[in-house]
């Protein structure tokens, strides 16, 4: 198993979250102090769990060093804490691991989160209510303080996991079996009541299963839609002449003020020309980077104005996205491009009509680096080097994010690119722009 893979990160983080802190420290405590009263041990348990969260995020940072890797580590650790491999440690107490994760990823959210938790604990005197309300505020706090879509998604999923694990506590409150703060616990056993009432957890689990199944089926459908299509598509360019060792490398979602200049430096040093499919709004924001792309002899294409998903847009709105971007690109660079690539490769019949009516060329790709998932530099390199063939149009990204048009981490693309170019040149491949590659097809 490769150490710099998401699976390895998720597995190790889950195991860290599953580690039975309470059982482990209990045995040490009793062995050294011979005491049965373990209340003094609780602060050490929470502190140990807190550092488990930090450790998982730092491990992902060390091995892959991308936001997605750290987010996966955070989620896996949280799941391990609540659904541990160790039966006696299932439904781990407290949110200390989550706070550790937040301390490493988004430290500024901890203070407002703790304030909300304390206020609702004082107001309701129920730990479950305070926990649920504070975690429901988590995505909003992240959005307000960071605005990064990936962390917002992580906040939503984490909040859902915490709420799901608090269902049992809500049942106890509803049945009068959960004491308020500083009250004594009732003597009636909760298990006896639960046998009589159907747990809502079963309904939630079924709902989550259906949602997961829908997401998987949708992903497989869209993957087939982008890479293969469902009918003859002579109007869509996916590759060049398969019999020649010509390839084209393309970059989507830029220009970006941080990563695009680094990529341009690499291309200039390697004497390679590429095609950049640029977002119109980014061209407006960073015109000097867009002009540099053209000045250094690279080709440019249209990637819509605001990177909206065109699949479900009307023809008029899709036209607006395409035409506005073309207008901005021409005003800034002086180039009127006829190449168009839809965001995420998703197009509709209306988009194809627009392309045909205005003599654009719809360009997709035959090989993706998968760098949009923020995998490691080694994985990006192997994805290209082990799968490349003559005529490939290769997809990279110099900007973009999982959901929005910007904010992604492209440092591993920058690390992998010179290695990829060097290896492919040694293997005899020649780099062309997309237009040159299409000419070779003819």
Protein backbone atom coordinates (compact mmCIF):
# COMPACT_ATOMS: atom_id res chain seq x y z
CA UNK A 1 0.00 0.00 0.00
CA UNK A 2 1.36 3.43 -0.99
CA UNK A 3 1.71 5.78 1.97
CA UNK A 4 0.67 8.89 0.04
CA UNK A 5 -2.82 7.71 -0.90
CA UNK A 6 -6.16 8.84 0.44
CA UNK A 7 -6.99 5.25 1.43
CA UNK A 8 -3.90 4.99 3.61
CA UNK A 9 -4.57 8.39 5.17
CA UNK A 10 -8.19 7.43 5.87
CA UNK A 11 -7.22 4.03 7.31
CA UNK A 12 -4.55 5.34 9.67
CA UNK A 13 -6.72 8.28 10.75
CA UNK A 14 -9.61 5.92 11.44
CA UNK A 15 -7.35 3.72 13.55
CA UNK A 16 -6.10 6.76 15.45
CA UNK A 17 -9.70 7.77 16.11
CA UNK A 18 -10.53 4.20 17.17
CA UNK A 19 -7.74 4.02 19.69
CA UNK A 20 -9.39 3.25 23.09
CA UNK A 21 -8.09 6.24 25.00
CA UNK A 22 -10.36 5.73 27.98
CA UNK A 23 -9.58 2.04 28.43
CA UNK A 24 -5.87 2.63 27.89
CA UNK A 25 -5.57 5.48 30.40
CA UNK A 26 -7.87 3.73 32.88
CA UNK A 27 -5.50 0.78 33.12
CA UNK A 28 -2.47 3.02 33.51
CA UNK A 29 -4.26 5.10 36.16
CA UNK A 30 -5.32 2.08 38.18
CA UNK A 31 -1.93 0.45 37.81
CA UNK A 32 -0.04 3.45 39.19
CA UNK A 33 -2.50 5.03 41.62
CA UNK A 34 -4.68 2.07 42.71
CA UNK A 35 -7.75 4.35 42.72
CA UNK A 36 -11.28 3.54 41.62
CA UNK A 37 -12.40 7.16 41.37
CA UNK A 38 -11.52 8.11 37.81
CA UNK A 39 -12.95 11.64 37.70
CA UNK A 40 -9.46 13.12 37.92
CA UNK A 41 -8.54 11.14 34.81
CA UNK A 42 -11.13 12.76 32.53
CA UNK A 43 -9.07 15.87 31.66
CA UNK A 44 -6.22 13.61 30.53
CA UNK A 45 -8.62 11.56 28.39
CA UNK A 46 -9.92 14.65 26.62
CA UNK A 47 -6.41 16.04 26.17
CA UNK A 48 -5.21 12.73 24.69
CA UNK A 49 -8.18 12.67 22.30
CA UNK A 50 -7.53 16.29 21.38
CA UNK A 51 -4.01 15.45 20.27
CA UNK A 52 -5.30 12.44 18.31
CA UNK A 53 -7.18 14.90 16.10
CA UNK A 54 -4.09 17.04 15.61
CA UNK A 55 -1.95 13.97 14.86
CA UNK A 56 -4.25 12.70 12.08
CA UNK A 57 -4.29 16.06 10.28
CA UNK A 58 -0.53 16.50 10.60
CA UNK A 59 0.02 12.99 9.21
CA UNK A 60 -2.00 13.88 6.10
CA UNK A 61 -0.12 17.16 5.82
CA UNK A 62 3.22 15.35 5.94
CA UNK A 63 2.36 12.56 3.46
CA UNK A 64 0.27 14.41 0.84
CA UNK A 65 0.04 18.03 1.98
CA UNK A 66 -3.25 19.00 0.36
CA UNK A 67 -6.49 20.29 1.82
CA UNK A 68 -8.47 17.28 0.66
CA UNK A 69 -6.04 14.85 2.29
CA UNK A 70 -6.33 16.71 5.58
CA UNK A 71 -10.12 16.86 5.30
CA UNK A 72 -10.28 13.10 4.66
CA UNK A 73 -8.05 12.49 7.68
CA UNK A 74 -10.32 14.69 9.80
CA UNK A 75 -13.48 12.88 8.73
CA UNK A 76 -11.94 9.40 9.12
CA UNK A 77 -10.71 10.24 12.60
CA UNK A 78 -14.15 11.52 13.62
CA UNK A 79 -15.79 8.35 12.30
CA UNK A 80 -13.24 6.22 14.13
CA UNK A 81 -13.96 8.07 17.36
CA UNK A 82 -17.71 7.47 17.13
CA UNK A 83 -17.61 4.02 15.50
CA UNK A 84 -14.47 2.47 16.92
CA UNK A 85 -13.11 -0.95 16.00
CA UNK A 86 -13.01 -1.65 19.72
CA UNK A 87 -16.51 -2.66 20.76
CA UNK A 88 -16.19 -1.39 24.33
CA UNK A 89 -15.07 1.99 23.07
CA UNK A 90 -17.85 2.60 20.57
CA UNK A 91 -19.54 5.99 20.62
CA UNK A 92 -16.46 7.61 22.15
CA UNK A 93 -17.16 10.27 24.76
CA UNK A 94 -16.85 13.96 24.00
CA UNK A 95 -15.80 15.97 20.99
CA UNK A 96 -12.13 16.35 21.90
CA UNK A 97 -10.86 14.66 18.67
CA UNK A 98 -13.03 16.99 16.61
CA UNK A 99 -11.62 19.99 18.45
CA UNK A 100 -8.12 18.68 17.75
CA UNK A 101 -8.96 18.44 14.05
CA UNK A 102 -10.32 21.97 14.04
CA UNK A 103 -7.25 23.24 15.91
CA UNK A 104 -5.04 21.90 13.12
CA UNK A 105 -7.28 22.80 10.16
CA UNK A 106 -9.36 25.83 11.12
CA UNK A 107 -8.18 27.09 14.52
CA UNK A 108 -10.24 30.27 14.41
CA UNK A 109 -13.53 28.35 14.63
CA UNK A 110 -12.81 26.83 18.04
CA UNK A 111 -13.53 29.91 20.16
CA UNK A 112 -16.98 30.71 18.69
CA UNK A 113 -17.83 26.99 18.69
CA UNK A 114 -16.97 26.64 22.38
CA UNK A 115 -18.85 29.85 23.24
CA UNK A 116 -22.00 28.53 21.52
CA UNK A 117 -21.63 25.19 23.28
CA UNK A 118 -21.28 26.80 26.71
CA UNK A 119 -24.20 29.18 26.18
CA UNK A 120 -26.58 26.40 25.13
CA UNK A 121 -25.37 24.17 27.95
CA UNK A 122 -26.19 26.91 30.44
CA UNK A 123 -29.50 27.66 28.76
CA UNK A 124 -30.76 24.07 28.30
CA UNK A 125 -28.68 22.20 30.91
CA UNK A 126 -28.51 19.26 28.50
CA UNK A 127 -25.15 18.20 27.06
CA UNK A 128 -26.80 16.70 23.97
CA UNK A 129 -28.57 19.94 23.04
CA UNK A 130 -25.39 21.97 23.47
CA UNK A 131 -23.40 19.50 21.37
CA UNK A 132 -25.96 19.34 18.55
CA UNK A 133 -26.54 23.08 18.30
CA UNK A 134 -22.84 23.96 18.39
CA UNK A 135 -21.94 21.44 15.68
CA UNK A 136 -24.84 22.64 13.51
CA UNK A 137 -23.27 26.07 13.69
CA UNK A 138 -19.90 24.63 12.60
CA UNK A 139 -20.41 24.93 8.78
CA UNK A 140 -21.73 28.49 9.20
CA UNK A 141 -18.74 29.51 11.30
CA UNK A 142 -16.32 27.96 8.80
CA UNK A 143 -18.09 29.71 5.93
CA UNK A 144 -17.94 33.05 7.74
CA UNK A 145 -14.29 32.81 8.82
CA UNK A 146 -12.74 30.85 5.93
CA UNK A 147 -15.17 30.68 3.00
CA UNK A 148 -13.38 27.59 1.66
CA UNK A 149 -15.89 25.20 0.11
CA UNK A 150 -14.04 22.00 1.03
CA UNK A 151 -13.95 22.90 4.72
CA UNK A 152 -17.60 23.91 4.60
CA UNK A 153 -18.48 20.47 3.19
CA UNK A 154 -16.36 18.87 5.92
CA UNK A 155 -18.24 20.93 8.50
CA UNK A 156 -21.61 19.78 7.14
CA UNK A 157 -20.62 16.09 7.11
CA UNK A 158 -19.04 16.31 10.55
CA UNK A 159 -22.14 18.01 11.95
CA UNK A 160 -24.30 15.25 10.45
CA UNK A 161 -22.11 12.55 12.04
CA UNK A 162 -22.26 14.23 15.45
CA UNK A 163 -26.04 14.74 15.28
CA UNK A 164 -26.53 11.12 14.22
CA UNK A 165 -24.52 9.95 17.22
CA UNK A 166 -26.60 12.13 19.51
CA UNK A 167 -29.90 10.52 18.49
CA UNK A 168 -29.71 8.12 21.42
CA UNK A 169 -29.20 11.02 23.83
CA UNK A 170 -32.22 12.81 22.36
CA UNK A 171 -34.27 9.65 22.88
CA UNK A 172 -33.24 9.61 26.53
CA UNK A 173 -34.25 13.25 26.94
CA UNK A 174 -37.60 12.65 25.23
CA UNK A 175 -38.34 9.70 27.53
CA UNK A 176 -37.23 11.53 30.67
CA UNK A 177 -34.21 9.31 31.20
CA UNK A 178 -31.48 11.89 30.71
CA UNK A 179 -30.78 14.18 33.66
CA UNK A 180 -30.10 17.86 33.31
CA UNK A 181 -26.78 19.25 34.41
CA UNK A 182 -26.21 18.76 38.16
CA UNK A 183 -29.24 16.44 38.48
CA UNK A 184 -29.16 12.77 39.44
CA UNK A 185 -29.67 10.12 36.81
CA UNK A 186 -33.01 8.20 36.88
CA UNK A 187 -32.79 4.60 38.00
CA UNK A 188 -34.86 3.21 35.11
CA UNK A 189 -32.69 1.42 32.56
CA UNK A 190 -32.67 3.05 29.14
CA UNK A 191 -32.30 -0.32 27.42
CA UNK A 192 -35.73 -1.41 28.68
CA UNK A 193 -37.41 1.59 27.09
CA UNK A 194 -35.52 1.29 23.85
CA UNK A 195 -36.81 -2.24 23.29
CA UNK A 196 -40.33 -0.84 23.25
CA UNK A 197 -39.71 2.08 20.91
CA UNK A 198 -38.32 1.86 17.40
CA UNK A 199 -35.07 3.79 17.19
CA UNK A 200 -35.01 6.67 14.68
CA UNK A 201 -31.40 5.73 14.03
CA UNK A 202 -32.58 2.94 11.73
CA UNK A 203 -34.49 5.42 9.56
CA UNK A 204 -31.47 7.72 9.39
CA UNK A 205 -29.19 4.84 8.38
CA UNK A 206 -31.51 3.84 5.54
CA UNK A 207 -31.71 7.43 4.35
CA UNK A 208 -27.91 7.74 4.37
CA UNK A 209 -27.62 4.49 2.41
CA UNK A 210 -30.00 5.78 -0.28
CA UNK A 211 -28.14 9.08 -0.53
CA UNK A 212 -24.81 7.28 -0.85
CA UNK A 213 -26.17 4.94 -3.53
CA UNK A 214 -27.54 7.93 -5.48
CA UNK A 215 -24.18 9.72 -5.32
CA UNK A 216 -22.28 6.63 -6.53
CA UNK A 217 -24.67 6.01 -9.45
CA UNK A 218 -24.58 9.71 -10.43
CA UNK A 219 -20.78 9.72 -10.37
CA UNK A 220 -20.55 6.63 -12.60
CA UNK A 221 -23.09 8.10 -15.03
CA UNK A 222 -21.33 11.46 -15.30
CA UNK A 223 -17.93 9.77 -15.67
CA UNK A 224 -19.25 7.79 -18.64
CA UNK A 225 -20.96 10.93 -19.99
CA UNK A 226 -17.74 12.95 -19.96
CA UNK A 227 -15.30 10.33 -21.22
CA UNK A 228 -17.38 8.40 -23.71
CA UNK A 229 -20.68 10.10 -24.51
CA UNK A 230 -23.70 8.13 -25.63
CA UNK A 231 -23.79 8.61 -29.37
CA UNK A 232 -21.55 9.57 -32.30
CA UNK A 233 -19.92 12.89 -31.36
CA UNK A 234 -17.88 14.17 -34.28
CA UNK A 235 -18.27 17.71 -32.97
CA UNK A 236 -16.34 16.93 -29.76
CA UNK A 237 -12.55 16.68 -29.67
CA UNK A 238 -11.27 14.18 -27.10
CA UNK A 239 -7.90 13.19 -28.58
CA UNK A 240 -5.59 13.59 -31.56
CA UNK A 241 -4.07 11.11 -33.96
CA UNK A 242 -3.54 7.93 -31.97
CA UNK A 243 -0.85 6.72 -34.37
CA UNK A 244 1.55 9.59 -33.68
CA UNK A 245 3.54 10.40 -30.55
CA UNK A 246 2.01 13.84 -30.23
CA UNK A 247 0.26 14.89 -27.04
CA UNK A 248 -1.27 18.11 -25.73
CA UNK A 249 -1.25 19.21 -22.11
CA UNK A 250 -4.06 21.50 -21.02
CA UNK A 251 -4.77 23.49 -17.86
CA UNK A 252 -8.24 24.41 -16.63
CA UNK A 253 -9.77 27.03 -14.33
CA UNK A 254 -7.00 29.64 -14.38
CA UNK A 255 -5.37 31.99 -14.54
CA UNK A 256 -4.27 31.86 -10.91
CA UNK A 257 -1.84 34.37 -9.37
CA UNK A 258 0.05 31.69 -7.41
CA UNK A 259 0.13 28.49 -9.46
CA UNK A 260 -0.13 29.66 -13.09
CA UNK A 261 3.16 31.63 -12.99
CA UNK A 262 4.93 28.61 -11.49
CA UNK A 263 3.55 26.39 -14.24
CA UNK A 264 4.59 28.92 -16.89
CA UNK A 265 8.12 28.95 -15.47
CA UNK A 266 8.28 25.15 -15.79
CA UNK A 267 6.93 25.16 -19.36
CA UNK A 268 9.40 27.87 -20.36
CA UNK A 269 12.30 25.98 -18.85
CA UNK A 270 11.25 22.74 -20.59
CA UNK A 271 10.45 24.56 -23.87
CA UNK A 272 6.92 23.12 -23.95
CA UNK A 273 3.76 24.80 -25.23
CA UNK A 274 0.38 24.10 -23.60
CA UNK A 275 -3.25 25.13 -23.89
CA UNK A 276 -4.91 27.05 -21.05
CA UNK A 277 -8.71 27.00 -20.78
CA UNK A 278 -9.34 30.15 -18.80
CA UNK A 279 -12.29 31.31 -16.70
CA UNK A 280 -13.37 34.79 -17.80
CA UNK A 281 -13.76 36.11 -14.29
CA UNK A 282 -10.21 35.01 -13.45
CA UNK A 283 -8.93 36.75 -16.56
CA UNK A 284 -10.57 39.95 -15.27
CA UNK A 285 -9.00 39.47 -11.84
CA UNK A 286 -5.50 38.55 -13.04
CA UNK A 287 -5.05 40.12 -16.50
CA UNK A 288 -1.25 40.25 -16.25
CA UNK A 289 -1.09 36.44 -15.82
CA UNK A 290 -3.45 35.92 -18.78
CA UNK A 291 -1.32 38.18 -20.96
CA UNK A 292 1.84 36.34 -19.94
CA UNK A 293 0.29 33.05 -21.10
CA UNK A 294 -0.22 34.50 -24.58
CA UNK A 295 3.13 36.34 -24.68
CA UNK A 296 5.01 33.10 -23.99
CA UNK A 297 3.37 31.37 -26.96
CA UNK A 298 0.77 29.21 -25.27
CA UNK A 299 -2.71 28.65 -26.62
CA UNK A 300 -5.82 29.80 -24.77
CA UNK A 301 -9.39 28.54 -24.69
CA UNK A 302 -12.72 29.54 -23.19
CA UNK A 303 -13.83 27.86 -19.94
CA UNK A 304 -16.97 30.00 -19.36
CA UNK A 305 -17.12 33.28 -17.46
CA UNK A 306 -17.90 32.04 -13.94
CA UNK A 307 -17.33 28.25 -14.17
CA UNK A 308 -21.03 27.44 -13.85
CA UNK A 309 -22.26 23.93 -14.52
CA UNK A 310 -23.76 24.17 -18.01
CA UNK A 311 -25.56 20.84 -17.90
CA UNK A 312 -28.80 22.27 -16.55
CA UNK A 313 -28.58 25.87 -17.82
CA UNK A 314 -30.92 27.17 -20.50
CA UNK A 315 -29.47 27.94 -23.90
CA UNK A 316 -29.62 31.70 -23.27
CA UNK A 317 -27.76 31.46 -19.96
CA UNK A 318 -25.17 29.09 -21.42
CA UNK A 319 -24.60 31.51 -24.29
CA UNK A 320 -24.11 34.32 -21.81
CA UNK A 321 -21.45 32.33 -19.95
CA UNK A 322 -19.57 31.49 -23.16
CA UNK A 323 -19.85 34.85 -24.94
CA UNK A 324 -19.02 36.95 -21.89
CA UNK A 325 -15.89 34.91 -21.28
CA UNK A 326 -14.80 35.21 -24.89
CA UNK A 327 -15.31 38.96 -24.79
CA UNK A 328 -13.21 39.33 -21.62
CA UNK A 329 -10.43 37.09 -22.97
CA UNK A 330 -10.25 39.09 -26.22
CA UNK A 331 -10.22 42.45 -24.41
CA UNK A 332 -7.41 41.40 -22.08
CA UNK A 333 -5.21 39.28 -24.35
CA UNK A 334 -6.18 40.42 -27.84
CA UNK A 335 -6.88 36.81 -28.81
CA UNK A 336 -10.26 35.62 -30.11
CA UNK A 337 -10.32 31.95 -29.23
CA UNK A 338 -12.50 29.33 -30.86
CA UNK A 339 -11.70 26.59 -28.37
CA UNK A 340 -14.22 25.88 -25.64
CA UNK A 341 -14.19 23.44 -22.74
CA UNK A 342 -17.23 23.19 -20.42
CA UNK A 343 -16.60 23.15 -16.65
CA UNK A 344 -16.03 19.60 -15.38
CA UNK A 345 -16.55 18.38 -18.96
CA UNK A 346 -20.34 18.53 -18.53
CA UNK A 347 -22.27 19.75 -21.56
CA UNK A 348 -25.84 19.63 -22.80
CA UNK A 349 -27.55 19.51 -26.17
CA UNK A 350 -28.03 23.28 -25.92
CA UNK A 351 -24.28 23.77 -25.42
CA UNK A 352 -23.51 21.66 -28.47
CA UNK A 353 -25.96 23.76 -30.49
CA UNK A 354 -24.18 26.95 -29.40
CA UNK A 355 -20.82 25.48 -30.32
CA UNK A 356 -22.07 24.45 -33.76
CA UNK A 357 -23.86 27.75 -34.49
CA UNK A 358 -20.84 29.91 -33.64
CA UNK A 359 -18.08 27.71 -35.04
CA UNK A 360 -16.44 26.93 -31.72
CA UNK A 361 -14.64 23.69 -31.12
CA UNK A 362 -15.68 21.72 -28.03
CA UNK A 363 -12.54 20.22 -26.53
CA UNK A 364 -12.55 17.64 -23.74
CA UNK A 365 -9.69 15.26 -22.86
CA UNK A 366 -8.64 11.62 -23.09
CA UNK A 367 -6.44 11.43 -19.98
CA UNK A 368 -6.93 13.22 -16.66
CA UNK A 369 -4.16 13.79 -14.13
CA UNK A 370 -6.83 13.70 -11.41
CA UNK A 371 -5.03 16.63 -9.79
CA UNK A 372 -8.40 18.24 -9.04
CA UNK A 373 -8.74 15.68 -6.24
CA UNK A 374 -5.49 17.05 -4.75
CA UNK A 375 -3.71 13.70 -4.77
CA UNK A 376 0.04 13.49 -4.14
CA UNK A 377 2.63 14.52 -6.72
CA UNK A 378 3.71 10.88 -7.08
CA UNK A 379 0.16 9.79 -7.88
CA UNK A 380 -0.26 12.58 -10.44
CA UNK A 381 2.98 11.55 -12.14
CA UNK A 382 2.07 7.85 -12.21
CA UNK A 383 -1.45 8.57 -13.45
CA UNK A 384 0.00 10.25 -16.55
CA UNK A 385 3.21 8.30 -17.17
CA UNK A 386 1.60 4.85 -16.83
CA UNK A 387 -1.46 5.67 -18.95
CA UNK A 388 -0.32 8.08 -21.66
CA UNK A 389 -0.49 7.20 -25.35
CA UNK A 390 -0.11 9.02 -28.62
CA UNK A 391 -2.78 11.59 -29.36
CA UNK A 392 -3.76 12.17 -25.74
CA UNK A 393 -5.17 15.46 -24.59
CA UNK A 394 -4.09 15.58 -20.94
CA UNK A 395 -6.05 17.47 -18.31
CA UNK A 396 -4.34 19.44 -15.52
CA UNK A 397 -5.57 22.33 -13.39
CA UNK A 398 -3.83 25.56 -12.49
CA UNK A 399 -6.73 26.77 -10.35
CA UNK A 400 -10.21 25.62 -9.34
CA UNK A 401 -11.58 23.72 -6.39
CA UNK A 402 -13.87 20.79 -5.63
CA UNK A 403 -17.00 22.93 -5.87
CA UNK A 404 -16.12 26.52 -6.70
CA UNK A 405 -13.97 28.03 -9.43
CA UNK A 406 -11.00 28.87 -7.18
CA UNK A 407 -9.32 28.04 -3.89
CA UNK A 408 -7.89 24.63 -4.76
CA UNK A 409 -4.43 23.41 -3.80
CA UNK A 410 -2.27 22.89 -6.90
CA UNK A 411 1.17 22.62 -5.32
CA UNK A 412 1.39 18.90 -6.20
CA UNK A 413 0.59 19.68 -9.84
CA UNK A 414 3.53 22.07 -9.82
CA UNK A 415 5.76 19.41 -8.21
CA UNK A 416 4.77 16.66 -10.63
CA UNK A 417 4.76 18.63 -13.90
CA UNK A 418 8.54 18.86 -14.58
CA UNK A 419 8.96 15.17 -13.80
CA UNK A 420 6.11 14.24 -16.15
CA UNK A 421 7.43 16.39 -18.99
CA UNK A 422 10.96 15.02 -18.58
CA UNK A 423 9.85 11.37 -18.61
CA UNK A 424 7.52 11.80 -21.60
CA UNK A 425 10.19 13.62 -23.60
CA UNK A 426 12.61 10.76 -22.90
CA UNK A 427 9.96 8.35 -24.19
CA UNK A 428 9.77 10.28 -27.47
CA UNK A 429 6.55 12.24 -27.02
CA UNK A 430 6.27 15.70 -28.55
CA UNK A 431 4.11 18.37 -26.94
CA UNK A 432 1.71 20.35 -29.12
CA UNK A 433 -1.10 22.78 -28.50
CA UNK A 434 -4.66 21.50 -28.94
CA UNK A 435 -5.06 23.22 -32.31
CA UNK A 436 -1.77 21.73 -33.53
CA UNK A 437 -2.88 18.32 -32.31
CA UNK A 438 -6.19 18.65 -34.20
CA UNK A 439 -4.28 19.61 -37.34
CA UNK A 440 -2.17 16.46 -37.01
CA UNK A 441 -5.41 14.48 -36.80
CA UNK A 442 -6.35 15.72 -40.21
